[in-house]
Amino acid sequence: MSHETLPVAEASERITRLRKGFVARLPERLNEAWRLLAEASAAPEERAGLEAMHRFWHSLKGTARSFGFREVGSAAITGEKAAAHLLDD
């Protein structure tokens, strides 16, 4: 497997585009969180909804933190912990 190294300027440009894409999609992702919460609330006995919520928050946490959005990452940690707590009940 070949690994090519990007020039620093090109890598920086890609990261900037990815960060902007993350920010642009954040409202849509938060709407997804509300949808998952509504589904999990409607059928609390169904683990699938809680598992989906946990995955959502875990994914958001990792992505936010990797792009340097600490506050979003911290909020996602709270959501992830809450979903994990509900899954443990």
N, C-alpha and C. Protein backbone atom coordinates (compact mmCIF):
# COMPACT_ATOMS: atom_id res chain seq x y z
N MET A 1 0.85 -1.18 0.00
CA MET A 1 0.00 0.00 0.00
C MET A 1 0.88 1.23 0.00
N SER A 2 0.60 2.15 -0.87
CA SER A 2 1.39 3.37 -1.02
C SER A 2 0.73 4.50 -0.23
N HIS A 3 1.53 5.23 0.49
CA HIS A 3 1.05 6.40 1.22
C HIS A 3 1.75 7.63 0.66
N GLU A 4 0.97 8.53 0.13
CA GLU A 4 1.54 9.77 -0.39
C GLU A 4 1.46 10.84 0.68
N THR A 5 2.47 11.65 0.75
CA THR A 5 2.50 12.75 1.70
C THR A 5 2.05 14.01 0.98
N LEU A 6 1.07 14.68 1.58
CA LEU A 6 0.58 15.93 1.01
C LEU A 6 1.48 17.07 1.43
N PRO A 7 1.67 18.04 0.56
CA PRO A 7 2.37 19.26 0.97
C PRO A 7 1.57 19.92 2.10
N VAL A 8 2.26 20.58 3.00
CA VAL A 8 1.63 21.19 4.17
C VAL A 8 0.49 22.12 3.78
N ALA A 9 0.68 22.94 2.78
CA ALA A 9 -0.36 23.89 2.37
C ALA A 9 -1.60 23.15 1.89
N GLU A 10 -1.41 22.08 1.12
CA GLU A 10 -2.56 21.31 0.62
C GLU A 10 -3.28 20.60 1.76
N ALA A 11 -2.53 20.05 2.69
CA ALA A 11 -3.14 19.37 3.84
C ALA A 11 -3.92 20.37 4.68
N SER A 12 -3.36 21.53 4.89
CA SER A 12 -4.03 22.58 5.67
C SER A 12 -5.32 23.01 4.98
N GLU A 13 -5.27 23.13 3.66
CA GLU A 13 -6.46 23.51 2.89
C GLU A 13 -7.55 22.44 3.02
N ARG A 14 -7.16 21.18 2.95
CA ARG A 14 -8.14 20.09 3.10
C ARG A 14 -8.78 20.10 4.47
N ILE A 15 -7.96 20.30 5.49
CA ILE A 15 -8.49 20.34 6.86
C ILE A 15 -9.46 21.50 7.01
N THR A 16 -9.13 22.64 6.44
CA THR A 16 -10.03 23.80 6.50
C THR A 16 -11.35 23.49 5.83
N ARG A 17 -11.32 22.84 4.66
CA ARG A 17 -12.57 22.46 3.97
C ARG A 17 -13.38 21.48 4.81
N LEU A 18 -12.70 20.52 5.43
CA LEU A 18 -13.40 19.54 6.27
C LEU A 18 -14.04 20.21 7.49
N ARG A 19 -13.32 21.15 8.10
CA ARG A 19 -13.87 21.87 9.26
C ARG A 19 -15.10 22.67 8.85
N LYS A 20 -15.02 23.34 7.71
CA LYS A 20 -16.16 24.12 7.23
C LYS A 20 -17.35 23.21 6.93
N GLY A 21 -17.09 22.05 6.36
CA GLY A 21 -18.15 21.09 6.10
C GLY A 21 -18.79 20.60 7.39
N PHE A 22 -17.97 20.36 8.41
CA PHE A 22 -18.49 19.94 9.72
C PHE A 22 -19.42 21.00 10.28
N VAL A 23 -18.98 22.25 10.24
CA VAL A 23 -19.81 23.36 10.76
C VAL A 23 -21.10 23.49 9.96
N ALA A 24 -21.01 23.38 8.65
CA ALA A 24 -22.20 23.52 7.80
C ALA A 24 -23.22 22.42 8.08
N ARG A 25 -22.75 21.22 8.40
CA ARG A 25 -23.66 20.10 8.65
C ARG A 25 -24.11 19.99 10.10
N LEU A 26 -23.56 20.80 10.97
CA LEU A 26 -23.90 20.71 12.39
C LEU A 26 -25.39 20.89 12.68
N PRO A 27 -26.07 21.87 12.11
CA PRO A 27 -27.52 21.97 12.37
C PRO A 27 -28.28 20.71 11.96
N GLU A 28 -27.93 20.14 10.83
CA GLU A 28 -28.57 18.90 10.38
C GLU A 28 -28.29 17.76 11.36
N ARG A 29 -27.07 17.70 11.85
CA ARG A 29 -26.71 16.64 12.81
C ARG A 29 -27.45 16.83 14.12
N LEU A 30 -27.63 18.07 14.55
CA LEU A 30 -28.36 18.31 15.80
C LEU A 30 -29.84 17.97 15.63
N ASN A 31 -30.38 18.21 14.44
CA ASN A 31 -31.76 17.77 14.17
C ASN A 31 -31.85 16.25 14.26
N GLU A 32 -30.80 15.58 13.80
CA GLU A 32 -30.75 14.12 13.91
C GLU A 32 -30.75 13.70 15.38
N ALA A 33 -30.05 14.43 16.23
CA ALA A 33 -30.05 14.12 17.67
C ALA A 33 -31.45 14.23 18.25
N TRP A 34 -32.17 15.28 17.85
CA TRP A 34 -33.55 15.45 18.34
C TRP A 34 -34.43 14.29 17.87
N ARG A 35 -34.25 13.88 16.61
CA ARG A 35 -35.03 12.77 16.07
C ARG A 35 -34.73 11.48 16.85
N LEU A 36 -33.46 11.22 17.10
CA LEU A 36 -33.09 10.02 17.85
C LEU A 36 -33.64 10.06 19.27
N LEU A 37 -33.61 11.23 19.88
CA LEU A 37 -34.16 11.37 21.23
C LEU A 37 -35.66 11.10 21.23
N ALA A 38 -36.37 11.63 20.25
CA ALA A 38 -37.82 11.41 20.17
C ALA A 38 -38.12 9.92 19.99
N GLU A 39 -37.37 9.26 19.12
CA GLU A 39 -37.58 7.82 18.90
C GLU A 39 -37.28 7.02 20.17
N ALA A 40 -36.19 7.35 20.84
CA ALA A 40 -35.84 6.62 22.06
C ALA A 40 -36.86 6.89 23.16
N SER A 41 -37.38 8.11 23.22
CA SER A 41 -38.39 8.44 24.23
C SER A 41 -39.71 7.74 23.96
N ALA A 42 -40.04 7.57 22.69
CA ALA A 42 -41.30 6.93 22.32
C ALA A 42 -41.28 5.42 22.63
N ALA A 43 -40.11 4.83 22.59
CA ALA A 43 -40.00 3.39 22.85
C ALA A 43 -38.78 3.13 23.72
N PRO A 44 -38.83 3.54 25.00
CA PRO A 44 -37.65 3.42 25.87
C PRO A 44 -37.19 1.98 26.10
N GLU A 45 -38.09 1.03 25.88
CA GLU A 45 -37.71 -0.38 26.06
C GLU A 45 -36.86 -0.91 24.91
N GLU A 46 -36.84 -0.17 23.82
CA GLU A 46 -36.05 -0.57 22.64
C GLU A 46 -34.62 -0.07 22.78
N ARG A 47 -33.69 -0.98 22.91
CA ARG A 47 -32.27 -0.61 23.06
C ARG A 47 -31.70 0.00 21.78
N ALA A 48 -32.26 -0.35 20.64
CA ALA A 48 -31.72 0.12 19.37
C ALA A 48 -31.68 1.65 19.30
N GLY A 49 -32.73 2.29 19.79
CA GLY A 49 -32.78 3.75 19.77
C GLY A 49 -31.71 4.36 20.65
N LEU A 50 -31.53 3.78 21.85
CA LEU A 50 -30.49 4.28 22.76
C LEU A 50 -29.10 4.02 22.20
N GLU A 51 -28.94 2.86 21.57
CA GLU A 51 -27.64 2.56 20.96
C GLU A 51 -27.33 3.52 19.83
N ALA A 52 -28.34 3.88 19.04
CA ALA A 52 -28.16 4.84 17.95
C ALA A 52 -27.78 6.21 18.53
N MET A 53 -28.43 6.60 19.63
CA MET A 53 -28.10 7.87 20.28
C MET A 53 -26.66 7.85 20.77
N HIS A 54 -26.27 6.75 21.38
CA HIS A 54 -24.90 6.63 21.89
C HIS A 54 -23.88 6.75 20.75
N ARG A 55 -24.13 6.05 19.66
CA ARG A 55 -23.23 6.13 18.50
C ARG A 55 -23.17 7.55 17.94
N PHE A 56 -24.33 8.19 17.87
CA PHE A 56 -24.39 9.56 17.36
C PHE A 56 -23.49 10.47 18.19
N TRP A 57 -23.68 10.47 19.52
CA TRP A 57 -22.91 11.36 20.38
C TRP A 57 -21.43 11.00 20.36
N HIS A 58 -21.12 9.70 20.31
CA HIS A 58 -19.72 9.27 20.26
C HIS A 58 -19.05 9.79 18.98
N SER A 59 -19.74 9.66 17.87
CA SER A 59 -19.21 10.12 16.59
C SER A 59 -19.04 11.65 16.58
N LEU A 60 -20.04 12.36 17.07
CA LEU A 60 -19.97 13.81 17.11
C LEU A 60 -18.82 14.26 18.01
N LYS A 61 -18.65 13.59 19.14
CA LYS A 61 -17.56 13.91 20.06
C LYS A 61 -16.21 13.81 19.36
N GLY A 62 -15.99 12.70 18.71
CA GLY A 62 -14.70 12.48 18.06
C GLY A 62 -14.43 13.45 16.94
N THR A 63 -15.43 13.68 16.13
CA THR A 63 -15.25 14.60 15.00
C THR A 63 -15.03 16.03 15.49
N ALA A 64 -15.86 16.46 16.43
CA ALA A 64 -15.73 17.83 16.95
C ALA A 64 -14.36 18.05 17.57
N ARG A 65 -13.93 17.11 18.36
CA ARG A 65 -12.63 17.26 19.03
C ARG A 65 -11.49 17.24 18.03
N SER A 66 -11.60 16.40 17.01
CA SER A 66 -10.51 16.32 16.03
C SER A 66 -10.38 17.62 15.23
N PHE A 67 -11.47 18.36 15.10
CA PHE A 67 -11.43 19.64 14.38
C PHE A 67 -11.23 20.83 15.32
N GLY A 68 -11.06 20.55 16.61
CA GLY A 68 -10.77 21.62 17.56
C GLY A 68 -11.97 22.33 18.14
N PHE A 69 -13.16 21.76 17.98
CA PHE A 69 -14.37 22.38 18.54
C PHE A 69 -14.62 21.78 19.93
N ARG A 70 -13.89 22.30 20.90
CA ARG A 70 -13.92 21.73 22.26
C ARG A 70 -15.30 21.79 22.90
N GLU A 71 -16.00 22.91 22.72
CA GLU A 71 -17.31 23.05 23.37
C GLU A 71 -18.31 22.04 22.81
N VAL A 72 -18.28 21.86 21.50
CA VAL A 72 -19.18 20.87 20.88
C VAL A 72 -18.79 19.48 21.36
N GLY A 73 -17.48 19.21 21.42
CA GLY A 73 -17.01 17.92 21.91
C GLY A 73 -17.44 17.67 23.35
N SER A 74 -17.36 18.69 24.20
CA SER A 74 -17.77 18.55 25.60
C SER A 74 -19.27 18.27 25.71
N ALA A 75 -20.06 18.96 24.91
CA ALA A 75 -21.51 18.71 24.92
C ALA A 75 -21.80 17.30 24.44
N ALA A 76 -21.07 16.84 23.45
CA ALA A 76 -21.27 15.49 22.94
C ALA A 76 -20.87 14.45 23.97
N ILE A 77 -19.84 14.74 24.77
CA ILE A 77 -19.45 13.82 25.85
C ILE A 77 -20.61 13.67 26.82
N THR A 78 -21.27 14.77 27.14
CA THR A 78 -22.42 14.72 28.05
C THR A 78 -23.52 13.84 27.47
N GLY A 79 -23.82 14.03 26.17
CA GLY A 79 -24.83 13.20 25.52
C GLY A 79 -24.44 11.74 25.48
N GLU A 80 -23.17 11.48 25.20
CA GLU A 80 -22.70 10.10 25.15
C GLU A 80 -22.81 9.42 26.51
N LYS A 81 -22.43 10.13 27.56
CA LYS A 81 -22.52 9.58 28.92
C LYS A 81 -23.97 9.33 29.32
N ALA A 82 -24.85 10.25 28.96
CA ALA A 82 -26.28 10.07 29.28
C ALA A 82 -26.83 8.84 28.57
N ALA A 83 -26.50 8.68 27.29
CA ALA A 83 -26.98 7.52 26.55
C ALA A 83 -26.40 6.23 27.13
N ALA A 84 -25.12 6.26 27.50
CA ALA A 84 -24.49 5.08 28.11
C ALA A 84 -25.16 4.73 29.42
N HIS A 85 -25.48 5.74 30.21
CA HIS A 85 -26.17 5.52 31.49
C HIS A 85 -27.53 4.85 31.27
N LEU A 86 -28.27 5.35 30.29
CA LEU A 86 -29.58 4.76 29.99
C LEU A 86 -29.44 3.33 29.48
N LEU A 87 -28.38 3.06 28.74
CA LEU A 87 -28.15 1.70 28.24
C LEU A 87 -27.80 0.75 29.39
N ASP A 88 -27.15 1.29 30.42
CA ASP A 88 -26.76 0.44 31.56
C ASP A 88 -27.93 0.11 32.48
N ASP A 89 -28.99 0.91 32.40
CA ASP A 89 -30.17 0.66 33.27
C ASP A 89 -30.91 -0.59 32.87
